[in-house]
Amino acid sequence: MSIELYKVRQGKIVSGVLAGIAHKLGWESWVTRAIFIAGLLLGKSFLLLIALYIAAAYFLPYKEDRDAERYGTGPRKIKEAEKIHK
């Protein structure tokens, strides 16, 4: 079983990482943001959380872009077809 993580543009505040995690888990975005902020303020792993967030913001694709590639909903491409000679 693989877990595909992604960012989303809709509902993003900074880069869409936490909104993408919330979308994947079926949660409201504020829940993941609250957990992240609580982890920053209460946890001892402040730098680790920041580093993971920055890495995710850099490496994770946007869901909209991934879906456009996967299902062909991106910009339409013109076919280079040969002319028909009668």
PDB file of N, CA and C in Angstrom:
ATOM      1  N   MET A   1       0.840  -1.178   0.000  1.00  0.00           N
ATOM      2  CA  MET A   1       0.000   0.000   0.000  1.00  0.00           C
ATOM      3  C   MET A   1       0.885   1.241   0.000  1.00  0.00           C
ATOM      4  N   SER A   2       0.684   2.104  -0.977  1.00  0.00           N
ATOM      5  CA  SER A   2       1.478   3.324  -1.030  1.00  0.00           C
ATOM      6  C   SER A   2       0.586   4.524  -0.708  1.00  0.00           C
ATOM      7  N   ILE A   3       1.196   5.488  -0.100  1.00  0.00           N
ATOM      8  CA  ILE A   3       0.490   6.717   0.246  1.00  0.00           C
ATOM      9  C   ILE A   3       1.023   7.811  -0.662  1.00  0.00           C
ATOM     10  N   GLU A   4       0.153   8.355  -1.509  1.00  0.00           N
ATOM     11  CA  GLU A   4       0.552   9.442  -2.390  1.00  0.00           C
ATOM     12  C   GLU A   4       0.202  10.762  -1.726  1.00  0.00           C
ATOM     13  N   LEU A   5       1.199  11.508  -1.370  1.00  0.00           N
ATOM     14  CA  LEU A   5       0.971  12.828  -0.793  1.00  0.00           C
ATOM     15  C   LEU A   5       1.083  13.870  -1.890  1.00  0.00           C
ATOM     16  N   TYR A   6       0.403  14.963  -1.704  1.00  0.00           N
ATOM     17  CA  TYR A   6       0.403  16.031  -2.688  1.00  0.00           C
ATOM     18  C   TYR A   6       0.028  17.336  -2.007  1.00  0.00           C
ATOM     19  N   LYS A   7       0.253  18.426  -2.736  1.00  0.00           N
ATOM     20  CA  LYS A   7      -0.193  19.740  -2.291  1.00  0.00           C
ATOM     21  C   LYS A   7      -1.466  20.073  -3.067  1.00  0.00           C
ATOM     22  N   VAL A   8      -2.259  20.991  -2.552  1.00  0.00           N
ATOM     23  CA  VAL A   8      -3.427  21.470  -3.289  1.00  0.00           C
ATOM     24  C   VAL A   8      -3.397  22.992  -3.334  1.00  0.00           C
ATOM     25  N   ARG A   9      -3.895  23.534  -4.424  1.00  0.00           N
ATOM     26  CA  ARG A   9      -3.929  24.992  -4.568  1.00  0.00           C
ATOM     27  C   ARG A   9      -5.153  25.589  -3.879  1.00  0.00           C
ATOM     28  N   GLN A  10      -6.256  24.851  -3.899  1.00  0.00           N
ATOM     29  CA  GLN A  10      -7.490  25.362  -3.309  1.00  0.00           C
ATOM     30  C   GLN A  10      -7.403  25.283  -1.789  1.00  0.00           C
ATOM     31  N   GLY A  11      -7.537  26.397  -1.132  1.00  0.00           N
ATOM     32  CA  GLY A  11      -7.502  26.432   0.324  1.00  0.00           C
ATOM     33  C   GLY A  11      -6.108  26.517   0.915  1.00  0.00           C
ATOM     34  N   LYS A  12      -5.110  26.764   0.072  1.00  0.00           N
ATOM     35  CA  LYS A  12      -3.750  26.845   0.610  1.00  0.00           C
ATOM     36  C   LYS A  12      -3.514  28.207   1.246  1.00  0.00           C
ATOM     37  N   ILE A  13      -2.612  28.236   2.208  1.00  0.00           N
ATOM     38  CA  ILE A  13      -2.214  29.497   2.822  1.00  0.00           C
ATOM     39  C   ILE A  13      -0.773  29.811   2.441  1.00  0.00           C
ATOM     40  N   VAL A  14       0.137  28.874   2.645  1.00  0.00           N
ATOM     41  CA  VAL A  14       1.539  29.102   2.297  1.00  0.00           C
ATOM     42  C   VAL A  14       1.883  28.351   1.017  1.00  0.00           C
ATOM     43  N   SER A  15       1.957  27.032   1.095  1.00  0.00           N
ATOM     44  CA  SER A  15       2.319  26.271  -0.103  1.00  0.00           C
ATOM     45  C   SER A  15       1.322  25.175  -0.440  1.00  0.00           C
ATOM     46  N   GLY A  16       0.371  24.909   0.411  1.00  0.00           N
ATOM     47  CA  GLY A  16      -0.632  23.893   0.139  1.00  0.00           C
ATOM     48  C   GLY A  16      -0.320  22.519   0.695  1.00  0.00           C
ATOM     49  N   VAL A  17       0.792  22.385   1.427  1.00  0.00           N
ATOM     50  CA  VAL A  17       1.182  21.083   1.975  1.00  0.00           C
ATOM     51  C   VAL A  17       0.166  20.609   3.009  1.00  0.00           C
ATOM     52  N   LEU A  18      -0.147  21.442   3.977  1.00  0.00           N
ATOM     53  CA  LEU A  18      -1.079  21.038   5.038  1.00  0.00           C
ATOM     54  C   LEU A  18      -2.494  20.864   4.495  1.00  0.00           C
ATOM     55  N   ALA A  19      -2.875  21.673   3.516  1.00  0.00           N
ATOM     56  CA  ALA A  19      -4.186  21.504   2.884  1.00  0.00           C
ATOM     57  C   ALA A  19      -4.239  20.190   2.115  1.00  0.00           C
ATOM     58  N   GLY A  20      -3.130  19.803   1.484  1.00  0.00           N
ATOM     59  CA  GLY A  20      -3.074  18.528   0.772  1.00  0.00           C
ATOM     60  C   GLY A  20      -3.158  17.339   1.709  1.00  0.00           C
ATOM     61  N   ILE A  21      -2.485  17.432   2.848  1.00  0.00           N
ATOM     62  CA  ILE A  21      -2.560  16.355   3.844  1.00  0.00           C
ATOM     63  C   ILE A  21      -3.989  16.238   4.374  1.00  0.00           C
ATOM     64  N   ALA A  22      -4.616  17.383   4.650  1.00  0.00           N
ATOM     65  CA  ALA A  22      -6.003  17.367   5.128  1.00  0.00           C
ATOM     66  C   ALA A  22      -6.924  16.760   4.075  1.00  0.00           C
ATOM     67  N   HIS A  23      -6.719  17.119   2.821  1.00  0.00           N
ATOM     68  CA  HIS A  23      -7.546  16.569   1.741  1.00  0.00           C
ATOM     69  C   HIS A  23      -7.369  15.063   1.634  1.00  0.00           C
ATOM     70  N   LYS A  24      -6.140  14.601   1.736  1.00  0.00           N
ATOM     71  CA  LYS A  24      -5.848  13.169   1.638  1.00  0.00           C
ATOM     72  C   LYS A  24      -6.492  12.386   2.784  1.00  0.00           C
ATOM     73  N   LEU A  25      -6.470  12.954   3.983  1.00  0.00           N
ATOM     74  CA  LEU A  25      -7.019  12.273   5.156  1.00  0.00           C
ATOM     75  C   LEU A  25      -8.524  12.489   5.330  1.00  0.00           C
ATOM     76  N   GLY A  26      -9.097  13.405   4.543  1.00  0.00           N
ATOM     77  CA  GLY A  26     -10.520  13.693   4.667  1.00  0.00           C
ATOM     78  C   GLY A  26     -10.850  14.600   5.831  1.00  0.00           C
ATOM     79  N   TRP A  27      -9.884  15.389   6.264  1.00  0.00           N
ATOM     80  CA  TRP A  27     -10.067  16.304   7.390  1.00  0.00           C
ATOM     81  C   TRP A  27     -10.289  17.718   6.875  1.00  0.00           C
ATOM     82  N   GLU A  28     -10.722  18.575   7.779  1.00  0.00           N
ATOM     83  CA  GLU A  28     -10.757  20.007   7.499  1.00  0.00           C
ATOM     84  C   GLU A  28      -9.325  20.535   7.555  1.00  0.00           C
ATOM     85  N   SER A  29      -9.027  21.548   6.766  1.00  0.00           N
ATOM     86  CA  SER A  29      -7.664  22.088   6.718  1.00  0.00           C
ATOM     87  C   SER A  29      -7.214  22.655   8.060  1.00  0.00           C
ATOM     88  N   TRP A  30      -8.153  23.241   8.801  1.00  0.00           N
ATOM     89  CA  TRP A  30      -7.760  23.865  10.070  1.00  0.00           C
ATOM     90  C   TRP A  30      -7.230  22.834  11.061  1.00  0.00           C
ATOM     91  N   VAL A  31      -7.670  21.581  10.941  1.00  0.00           N
ATOM     92  CA  VAL A  31      -7.212  20.543  11.872  1.00  0.00           C
ATOM     93  C   VAL A  31      -5.723  20.274  11.664  1.00  0.00           C
ATOM     94  N   THR A  32      -5.316  20.093  10.405  1.00  0.00           N
ATOM     95  CA  THR A  32      -3.893  19.831  10.150  1.00  0.00           C
ATOM     96  C   THR A  32      -3.044  21.052  10.498  1.00  0.00           C
ATOM     97  N   ARG A  33      -3.579  22.233  10.249  1.00  0.00           N
ATOM     98  CA  ARG A  33      -2.829  23.446  10.607  1.00  0.00           C
ATOM     99  C   ARG A  33      -2.678  23.566  12.122  1.00  0.00           C
ATOM    100  N   ALA A  34      -3.728  23.257  12.858  1.00  0.00           N
ATOM    101  CA  ALA A  34      -3.669  23.324  14.323  1.00  0.00           C
ATOM    102  C   ALA A  34      -2.680  22.304  14.876  1.00  0.00           C
ATOM    103  N   ILE A  35      -2.689  21.094  14.326  1.00  0.00           N
ATOM    104  CA  ILE A  35      -1.737  20.067  14.772  1.00  0.00           C
ATOM    105  C   ILE A  35      -0.310  20.502  14.470  1.00  0.00           C
ATOM    106  N   PHE A  36      -0.089  21.075  13.289  1.00  0.00           N
ATOM    107  CA  PHE A  36       1.252  21.529  12.912  1.00  0.00           C
ATOM    108  C   PHE A  36       1.727  22.652  13.836  1.00  0.00           C
ATOM    109  N   ILE A  37       0.870  23.628  14.080  1.00  0.00           N
ATOM    110  CA  ILE A  37       1.251  24.748  14.957  1.00  0.00           C
ATOM    111  C   ILE A  37       1.473  24.264  16.386  1.00  0.00           C
ATOM    112  N   ALA A  38       0.630  23.350  16.859  1.00  0.00           N
ATOM    113  CA  ALA A  38       0.829  22.790  18.201  1.00  0.00           C
ATOM    114  C   ALA A  38       2.155  22.047  18.272  1.00  0.00           C
ATOM    115  N   GLY A  39       2.495  21.328  17.224  1.00  0.00           N
ATOM    116  CA  GLY A  39       3.785  20.636  17.182  1.00  0.00           C
ATOM    117  C   GLY A  39       4.949  21.604  17.203  1.00  0.00           C
ATOM    118  N   LEU A  40       4.779  22.744  16.520  1.00  0.00           N
ATOM    119  CA  LEU A  40       5.838  23.756  16.525  1.00  0.00           C
ATOM    120  C   LEU A  40       6.007  24.379  17.907  1.00  0.00           C
ATOM    121  N   LEU A  41       4.893  24.693  18.544  1.00  0.00           N
ATOM    122  CA  LEU A  41       4.951  25.398  19.822  1.00  0.00           C
ATOM    123  C   LEU A  41       5.258  24.492  21.008  1.00  0.00           C
ATOM    124  N   LEU A  42       4.729  23.286  20.993  1.00  0.00           N
ATOM    125  CA  LEU A  42       4.851  22.412  22.157  1.00  0.00           C
ATOM    126  C   LEU A  42       5.944  21.364  22.032  1.00  0.00           C
ATOM    127  N   GLY A  43       6.300  21.026  20.825  1.00  0.00           N
ATOM    128  CA  GLY A  43       7.268  19.952  20.631  1.00  0.00           C
ATOM    129  C   GLY A  43       8.704  20.428  20.695  1.00  0.00           C
ATOM    130  N   LYS A  44       9.595  19.470  20.821  1.00  0.00           N
ATOM    131  CA  LYS A  44      11.020  19.780  20.842  1.00  0.00           C
ATOM    132  C   LYS A  44      11.628  19.681  19.449  1.00  0.00           C
ATOM    133  N   SER A  45      10.801  19.306  18.476  1.00  0.00           N
ATOM    134  CA  SER A  45      11.313  19.080  17.126  1.00  0.00           C
ATOM    135  C   SER A  45      10.946  20.221  16.181  1.00  0.00           C
ATOM    136  N   PHE A  46      11.103  21.446  16.637  1.00  0.00           N
ATOM    137  CA  PHE A  46      10.756  22.631  15.854  1.00  0.00           C
ATOM    138  C   PHE A  46      11.478  22.635  14.515  1.00  0.00           C
ATOM    139  N   LEU A  47      12.797  22.466  14.538  1.00  0.00           N
ATOM    140  CA  LEU A  47      13.576  22.515  13.303  1.00  0.00           C
ATOM    141  C   LEU A  47      13.253  21.350  12.380  1.00  0.00           C
ATOM    142  N   LEU A  48      12.978  20.182  12.952  1.00  0.00           N
ATOM    143  CA  LEU A  48      12.626  19.023  12.134  1.00  0.00           C
ATOM    144  C   LEU A  48      11.306  19.257  11.402  1.00  0.00           C
ATOM    145  N   LEU A  49      10.311  19.791  12.091  1.00  0.00           N
ATOM    146  CA  LEU A  49       9.025  20.071  11.451  1.00  0.00           C
ATOM    147  C   LEU A  49       9.163  21.110  10.346  1.00  0.00           C
ATOM    148  N   ILE A  50       9.936  22.147  10.600  1.00  0.00           N
ATOM    149  CA  ILE A  50      10.159  23.174   9.582  1.00  0.00           C
ATOM    150  C   ILE A  50      10.880  22.577   8.380  1.00  0.00           C
ATOM    151  N   ALA A  51      11.901  21.758   8.624  1.00  0.00           N
ATOM    152  CA  ALA A  51      12.653  21.131   7.529  1.00  0.00           C
ATOM    153  C   ALA A  51      11.760  20.195   6.715  1.00  0.00           C
ATOM    154  N   LEU A  52      10.921  19.413   7.394  1.00  0.00           N
ATOM    155  CA  LEU A  52      10.002  18.515   6.681  1.00  0.00           C
ATOM    156  C   LEU A  52       8.988  19.298   5.856  1.00  0.00           C
ATOM    157  N   TYR A  53       8.496  20.393   6.403  1.00  0.00           N
ATOM    158  CA  TYR A  53       7.530  21.216   5.676  1.00  0.00           C
ATOM    159  C   TYR A  53       8.165  21.815   4.426  1.00  0.00           C
ATOM    160  N   ILE A  54       9.370  22.342   4.566  1.00  0.00           N
ATOM    161  CA  ILE A  54      10.061  22.943   3.419  1.00  0.00           C
ATOM    162  C   ILE A  54      10.351  21.886   2.358  1.00  0.00           C
ATOM    163  N   ALA A  55      10.792  20.705   2.785  1.00  0.00           N
ATOM    164  CA  ALA A  55      11.057  19.620   1.834  1.00  0.00           C
ATOM    165  C   ALA A  55       9.771  19.208   1.117  1.00  0.00           C
ATOM    166  N   ALA A  56       8.680  19.098   1.855  1.00  0.00           N
ATOM    167  CA  ALA A  56       7.403  18.727   1.238  1.00  0.00           C
ATOM    168  C   ALA A  56       6.933  19.807   0.269  1.00  0.00           C
ATOM    169  N   ALA A  57       7.112  21.065   0.635  1.00  0.00           N
ATOM    170  CA  ALA A  57       6.712  22.160  -0.244  1.00  0.00           C
ATOM    171  C   ALA A  57       7.520  22.142  -1.537  1.00  0.00           C
ATOM    172  N   TYR A  58       8.758  21.721  -1.453  1.00  0.00           N
ATOM    173  CA  TYR A  58       9.625  21.694  -2.632  1.00  0.00           C
ATOM    174  C   TYR A  58       9.370  20.462  -3.502  1.00  0.00           C
ATOM    175  N   PHE A  59       9.228  19.294  -2.890  1.00  0.00           N
ATOM    176  CA  PHE A  59       9.192  18.046  -3.649  1.00  0.00           C
ATOM    177  C   PHE A  59       7.794  17.546  -4.019  1.00  0.00           C
ATOM    178  N   LEU A  60       6.783  17.840  -3.224  1.00  0.00           N
ATOM    179  CA  LEU A  60       5.451  17.308  -3.519  1.00  0.00           C
ATOM    180  C   LEU A  60       4.824  18.032  -4.703  1.00  0.00           C
ATOM    181  N   PRO A  61       4.175  17.282  -5.590  1.00  0.00           N
ATOM    182  CA  PRO A  61       3.495  17.921  -6.723  1.00  0.00           C
ATOM    183  C   PRO A  61       2.127  18.450  -6.292  1.00  0.00           C
ATOM    184  N   TYR A  62       1.603  19.381  -7.076  1.00  0.00           N
ATOM    185  CA  TYR A  62       0.236  19.828  -6.843  1.00  0.00           C
ATOM    186  C   TYR A  62      -0.717  18.767  -7.374  1.00  0.00           C
ATOM    187  N   LYS A  63      -1.778  18.503  -6.635  1.00  0.00           N
ATOM    188  CA  LYS A  63      -2.760  17.499  -7.037  1.00  0.00           C
ATOM    189  C   LYS A  63      -3.368  17.853  -8.388  1.00  0.00           C
ATOM    190  N   GLU A  64      -3.634  19.116  -8.610  1.00  0.00           N
ATOM    191  CA  GLU A  64      -4.244  19.541  -9.864  1.00  0.00           C
ATOM    192  C   GLU A  64      -3.326  19.244 -11.052  1.00  0.00           C
ATOM    193  N   ASP A  65      -2.022  19.481 -10.893  1.00  0.00           N
ATOM    194  CA  ASP A  65      -1.070  19.199 -11.974  1.00  0.00           C
ATOM    195  C   ASP A  65      -0.944  17.701 -12.208  1.00  0.00           C
ATOM    196  N   ARG A  66      -0.889  16.936 -11.129  1.00  0.00           N
ATOM    197  CA  ARG A  66      -0.775  15.481 -11.245  1.00  0.00           C
ATOM    198  C   ARG A  66      -2.007  14.891 -11.925  1.00  0.00           C
ATOM    199  N   ASP A  67      -3.186  15.374 -11.553  1.00  0.00           N
ATOM    200  CA  ASP A  67      -4.412  14.887 -12.180  1.00  0.00           C
ATOM    201  C   ASP A  67      -4.478  15.276 -13.655  1.00  0.00           C
ATOM    202  N   ALA A  68      -4.002  16.472 -13.992  1.00  0.00           N
ATOM    203  CA  ALA A  68      -3.995  16.902 -15.390  1.00  0.00           C
ATOM    204  C   ALA A  68      -3.100  15.998 -16.228  1.00  0.00           C
ATOM    205  N   GLU A  69      -1.952  15.623 -15.695  1.00  0.00           N
ATOM    206  CA  GLU A  69      -1.061  14.708 -16.409  1.00  0.00           C
ATOM    207  C   GLU A  69      -1.666  13.314 -16.496  1.00  0.00           C
ATOM    208  N   ARG A  70      -2.204  12.848 -15.397  1.00  0.00           N
ATOM    209  CA  ARG A  70      -2.703  11.478 -15.321  1.00  0.00           C
ATOM    210  C   ARG A  70      -3.946  11.270 -16.181  1.00  0.00           C
ATOM    211  N   TYR A  71      -4.863  12.219 -16.178  1.00  0.00           N
ATOM    212  CA  TYR A  71      -6.141  12.032 -16.855  1.00  0.00           C
ATOM    213  C   TYR A  71      -6.293  12.870 -18.117  1.00  0.00           C
ATOM    214  N   GLY A  72      -5.242  13.549 -18.518  1.00  0.00           N
ATOM    215  CA  GLY A  72      -5.286  14.276 -19.776  1.00  0.00           C
ATOM    216  C   GLY A  72      -6.173  15.498 -19.773  1.00  0.00           C
ATOM    217  N   THR A  73      -6.294  16.170 -18.659  1.00  0.00           N
ATOM    218  CA  THR A  73      -7.131  17.366 -18.601  1.00  0.00           C
ATOM    219  C   THR A  73      -6.305  18.635 -18.694  1.00  0.00           C
ATOM    220  N   GLY A  74      -5.058  18.488 -19.052  1.00  0.00           N
ATOM    221  CA  GLY A  74      -4.182  19.646 -19.188  1.00  0.00           C
ATOM    222  C   GLY A  74      -4.454  20.364 -20.496  1.00  0.00           C
ATOM    223  N   PRO A  75      -3.536  21.224 -20.898  1.00  0.00           N
ATOM    224  CA  PRO A  75      -3.728  21.944 -22.160  1.00  0.00           C
ATOM    225  C   PRO A  75      -3.797  20.964 -23.324  1.00  0.00           C
ATOM    226  N   ARG A  76      -4.706  21.247 -24.242  1.00  0.00           N
ATOM    227  CA  ARG A  76      -4.878  20.352 -25.384  1.00  0.00           C
ATOM    228  C   ARG A  76      -3.687  20.472 -26.320  1.00  0.00           C
ATOM    229  N   LYS A  77      -3.322  19.358 -26.902  1.00  0.00           N
ATOM    230  CA  LYS A  77      -2.191  19.327 -27.810  1.00  0.00           C
ATOM    231  C   LYS A  77      -2.700  19.131 -29.233  1.00  0.00           C
ATOM    232  N   ILE A  78      -2.091  19.838 -30.159  1.00  0.00           N
ATOM    233  CA  ILE A  78      -2.469  19.720 -31.561  1.00  0.00           C
ATOM    234  C   ILE A  78      -1.741  18.529 -32.152  1.00  0.00           C
ATOM    235  N   LYS A  79      -2.492  17.677 -32.826  1.00  0.00           N
ATOM    236  CA  LYS A  79      -1.872  16.525 -33.469  1.00  0.00           C
ATOM    237  C   LYS A  79      -1.253  16.965 -34.788  1.00  0.00           C
ATOM    238  N   GLU A  80      -0.098  16.474 -35.050  1.00  0.00           N
ATOM    239  CA  GLU A  80       0.562  16.724 -36.321  1.00  0.00           C
ATOM    240  C   GLU A  80       0.152  15.598 -37.264  1.00  0.00           C
ATOM    241  N   ALA A  81      -0.922  15.797 -37.982  1.00  0.00           N
ATOM    242  CA  ALA A  81      -1.425  14.764 -38.884  1.00  0.00           C
ATOM    243  C   ALA A  81      -1.036  15.088 -40.321  1.00  0.00           C
ATOM    244  N   GLU A  82      -0.927  14.036 -41.121  1.00  0.00           N
ATOM    245  CA  GLU A  82      -0.626  14.230 -42.538  1.00  0.00           C
ATOM    246  C   GLU A  82      -1.889  14.671 -43.256  1.00  0.00           C
ATOM    247  N   LYS A  83      -1.708  15.457 -44.321  1.00  0.00           N
ATOM    248  CA  LYS A  83      -2.844  15.888 -45.122  1.00  0.00           C
ATOM    249  C   LYS A  83      -3.357  14.712 -45.935  1.00  0.00           C
ATOM    250  N   ILE A  84      -4.651  14.701 -46.163  1.00  0.00           N
ATOM    251  CA  ILE A  84      -5.263  13.644 -46.964  1.00  0.00           C
ATOM    252  C   ILE A  84      -5.236  14.073 -48.418  1.00  0.00           C
ATOM    253  N   HIS A  85      -4.673  13.233 -49.279  1.00  0.00           N
ATOM    254  CA  HIS A  85      -4.605  13.518 -50.717  1.00  0.00           C
ATOM    255  C   HIS A  85      -5.650  12.682 -51.427  1.00  0.00           C
ATOM    256  N   LYS A  86      -6.473  13.333 -52.242  1.00  0.00           N
ATOM    257  CA  LYS A  86      -7.513  12.599 -52.988  1.00  0.00           C
ATOM    258  C   LYS A  86      -7.071  12.327 -54.386  1.00  0.00           C
TER     259      LYS A  86
END
